[in-house]
Amino acid sequence: MRHGDKINNLGRKKAHRVALLSNLAIALITHKRIVTTLAKAKALRTYVEPLLTKTKKGDSKETISHQHRVVFSHLQNKEAVKELFTVVAPKISSRPGGYTRIIRLGIRPGDNAEQAMIELVDFNEVYGKHIVAATAEATETAEPVKKTRRSGGAKKKATTDSAETTESTEETPEEA
């Protein structure tokens, strides 16, 4: 039984799991989105989001350099840490959390593993402003829908009433 075991071990020993998550985090930071299995994506989210939070902390020079050292101890990659603090940190500075998005992609044909794409939310231009603007315009122009307790009750009644009127109009020319 796994009572209270909140860590997904991913079928690996601790050292292998830490190396895997570190490499996935480096790839995510440098490429802004990666495709992996769903279980690895969920484990990566819990690993990388605290690191992204650490990039936002710090007002003084000592605090910032300390955060650099802490993040470097997790990633062990100078280029990724530099990218994180110079490119990623300014974009996520106003976001209170939820820096990553996981999108399910279906199953992989070879081994039937469920695939997922994990990406940094602020670096997706397709998903961001255009969809929000389109949904805002759609809600403004759409007329309000009458809410009933029964699902589709008003629609069913309207269609049956219109069907009865068409039947009655069809009968009149035949009778004449």
Protein backbone atom coordinates (compact mmCIF):
# COMPACT_ATOMS: atom_id res chain seq x y z
CA MET A 1 0.00 0.00 0.00
CA ARG A 2 1.19 3.50 -0.73
CA HIS A 3 -0.48 5.46 2.06
CA GLY A 4 0.83 9.01 2.09
CA ASP A 5 3.38 8.38 -0.67
CA LYS A 6 3.02 11.49 -2.79
CA ILE A 7 6.14 11.07 -4.94
CA ASN A 8 5.76 9.25 -8.24
CA ASN A 9 8.93 7.17 -8.39
CA LEU A 10 8.58 6.61 -12.14
CA GLY A 11 10.02 3.10 -11.74
CA ARG A 12 13.49 4.46 -10.92
CA LYS A 13 15.87 4.76 -8.00
CA LYS A 14 16.29 8.20 -6.43
CA ALA A 15 19.52 9.17 -8.21
CA HIS A 16 18.17 8.13 -11.61
CA ARG A 17 14.85 9.95 -10.98
CA VAL A 18 16.61 13.18 -9.92
CA ALA A 19 18.85 13.04 -13.00
CA LEU A 20 15.83 12.42 -15.24
CA LEU A 21 13.85 15.34 -13.78
CA SER A 22 16.88 17.62 -13.96
CA ASN A 23 17.42 16.80 -17.64
CA LEU A 24 13.73 17.25 -18.42
CA ALA A 25 13.73 20.61 -16.59
CA ILE A 26 16.77 21.78 -18.58
CA ALA A 27 15.05 20.78 -21.83
CA LEU A 28 11.84 22.55 -20.78
CA ILE A 29 13.67 25.76 -19.88
CA THR A 30 15.72 25.86 -23.07
CA HIS A 31 13.01 24.77 -25.54
CA LYS A 32 9.95 26.17 -23.67
CA ARG A 33 7.93 23.01 -24.45
CA ILE A 34 8.68 19.29 -24.59
CA VAL A 35 6.77 16.11 -25.35
CA THR A 36 7.08 13.27 -22.85
CA THR A 37 4.86 10.76 -21.08
CA LEU A 38 2.02 12.02 -18.90
CA ALA A 39 3.52 10.61 -15.70
CA LYS A 40 6.88 12.28 -16.36
CA ALA A 41 5.15 15.57 -17.22
CA LYS A 42 3.23 15.55 -13.94
CA ALA A 43 6.38 14.74 -11.98
CA LEU A 44 8.29 17.45 -13.87
CA ARG A 45 5.66 20.04 -13.01
CA THR A 46 6.20 19.48 -9.27
CA TYR A 47 9.97 19.63 -9.80
CA VAL A 48 10.25 22.73 -12.00
CA GLU A 49 7.57 25.07 -10.61
CA PRO A 50 9.41 25.70 -7.30
CA LEU A 51 12.55 26.47 -9.33
CA LEU A 52 10.60 28.99 -11.40
CA THR A 53 9.29 30.57 -8.19
CA LYS A 54 12.85 30.93 -6.92
CA THR A 55 13.73 33.04 -9.96
CA LYS A 56 11.19 35.68 -8.93
CA LYS A 57 12.42 36.08 -5.35
CA GLY A 58 15.03 38.56 -4.36
CA ASP A 59 15.47 42.29 -4.15
CA SER A 60 19.11 42.53 -3.12
CA LYS A 61 22.15 41.30 -5.00
CA GLU A 62 22.96 38.70 -2.32
CA THR A 63 19.49 37.19 -2.49
CA ILE A 64 19.60 36.96 -6.27
CA SER A 65 23.02 35.29 -6.30
CA HIS A 66 21.85 32.87 -3.61
CA GLN A 67 18.83 31.94 -5.75
CA HIS A 68 21.18 31.38 -8.69
CA ARG A 69 23.22 28.95 -6.58
CA VAL A 70 20.10 27.12 -5.35
CA VAL A 71 18.70 26.69 -8.86
CA PHE A 72 22.12 25.65 -10.19
CA SER A 73 22.35 22.96 -7.51
CA HIS A 74 19.17 21.43 -8.96
CA LEU A 75 19.91 21.83 -12.66
CA GLN A 76 23.74 21.67 -12.94
CA ASN A 77 23.64 23.54 -16.26
CA LYS A 78 24.93 27.11 -16.58
CA GLU A 79 23.16 27.84 -19.86
CA ALA A 80 19.78 26.74 -18.50
CA VAL A 81 20.20 28.82 -15.33
CA LYS A 82 21.20 31.85 -17.38
CA GLU A 83 18.18 31.37 -19.68
CA LEU A 84 15.95 30.95 -16.65
CA PHE A 85 17.03 34.15 -14.93
CA THR A 86 17.39 36.37 -18.01
CA VAL A 87 14.55 35.27 -20.33
CA VAL A 88 12.00 33.29 -18.32
CA ALA A 89 12.01 35.22 -15.03
CA PRO A 90 10.95 38.62 -16.47
CA LYS A 91 8.03 37.01 -18.29
CA ILE A 92 6.70 35.11 -15.26
CA SER A 93 7.31 37.87 -12.72
CA SER A 94 3.67 39.00 -12.66
CA ARG A 95 2.20 35.47 -12.57
CA PRO A 96 1.36 34.21 -9.04
CA GLY A 97 1.88 30.54 -9.93
CA GLY A 98 0.92 27.92 -12.49
CA TYR A 99 3.86 28.45 -14.80
CA THR A 100 3.41 25.22 -16.77
CA ARG A 101 0.59 23.70 -18.80
CA ILE A 102 0.18 20.00 -19.56
CA ILE A 103 -1.71 19.06 -22.72
CA ARG A 104 -2.52 15.40 -23.34
CA LEU A 105 -1.62 14.16 -26.80
CA GLY A 106 -3.01 10.63 -26.85
CA ILE A 107 -1.16 7.34 -26.79
CA ARG A 108 2.18 6.40 -28.28
CA PRO A 109 1.75 3.59 -30.82
CA GLY A 110 4.84 1.61 -29.80
CA ASP A 111 4.14 0.94 -26.13
CA ASN A 112 0.68 2.49 -25.58
CA ALA A 113 2.09 5.09 -23.18
CA GLU A 114 0.03 8.23 -22.78
CA GLN A 115 1.89 11.20 -24.27
CA ALA A 116 1.69 14.78 -23.04
CA MET A 117 3.19 18.12 -23.96
CA ILE A 118 4.36 20.28 -21.08
CA GLU A 119 5.06 23.92 -21.82
CA LEU A 120 5.74 27.22 -20.13
CA VAL A 121 2.46 29.13 -20.17
CA ASP A 122 3.84 32.61 -20.88
CA PHE A 123 5.79 31.46 -23.94
CA ASN A 124 2.87 30.21 -26.03
CA GLU A 125 1.71 32.96 -28.39
CA VAL A 126 -0.96 30.79 -30.03
CA TYR A 127 -2.83 29.92 -26.84
CA GLY A 128 -2.71 33.27 -25.09
CA LYS A 129 -4.17 36.57 -26.17
CA HIS A 130 -5.98 35.56 -29.36
CA ILE A 131 -8.24 32.98 -27.71
CA VAL A 132 -9.01 35.21 -24.75
CA ALA A 133 -9.97 38.08 -27.08
CA ALA A 134 -12.12 35.81 -29.25
CA THR A 135 -14.02 34.40 -26.28
CA ALA A 136 -14.58 37.90 -24.87
CA GLU A 137 -16.05 39.05 -28.20
CA ALA A 138 -18.22 35.95 -28.45
CA THR A 139 -19.69 36.47 -24.98
CA GLU A 140 -20.45 40.13 -25.71
CA THR A 141 -22.26 39.43 -29.00
CA ALA A 142 -24.10 36.28 -27.96
CA GLU A 143 -27.65 36.67 -26.74
CA PRO A 144 -28.42 35.26 -23.30
CA VAL A 145 -29.75 31.71 -23.24
CA LYS A 146 -32.84 30.94 -21.23
CA LYS A 147 -31.92 28.61 -18.39
CA THR A 148 -34.32 25.86 -17.43
CA ARG A 149 -34.12 23.18 -14.82
CA ARG A 150 -34.43 20.47 -17.43
CA SER A 151 -31.64 20.11 -19.89
CA GLY A 152 -32.93 21.12 -23.31
CA GLY A 153 -36.56 21.17 -22.20
CA ALA A 154 -37.34 24.51 -23.88
CA LYS A 155 -35.63 23.42 -27.12
CA LYS A 156 -37.59 20.15 -27.29
CA LYS A 157 -40.87 21.95 -26.76
CA ALA A 158 -40.06 24.54 -29.45
CA THR A 159 -39.16 21.86 -32.00
CA THR A 160 -42.31 19.83 -31.31
CA ASP A 161 -44.49 22.95 -31.60
CA SER A 162 -42.92 23.89 -34.94
CA ALA A 163 -43.31 20.30 -36.16
CA GLU A 164 -47.03 20.35 -35.30
CA THR A 165 -47.55 23.63 -37.17
CA THR A 166 -45.84 22.30 -40.29
CA GLU A 167 -47.98 19.16 -40.18
CA SER A 168 -51.17 21.22 -39.85
CA THR A 169 -50.20 23.43 -42.80
CA GLU A 170 -49.45 20.38 -44.93
CA GLU A 171 -52.88 18.89 -44.21
CA THR A 172 -54.80 22.00 -45.32
CA PRO A 173 -53.76 22.01 -48.99
CA GLU A 174 -54.53 18.26 -49.32
CA GLU A 175 -58.02 18.72 -47.86
CA ALA A 176 -58.87 21.54 -50.29
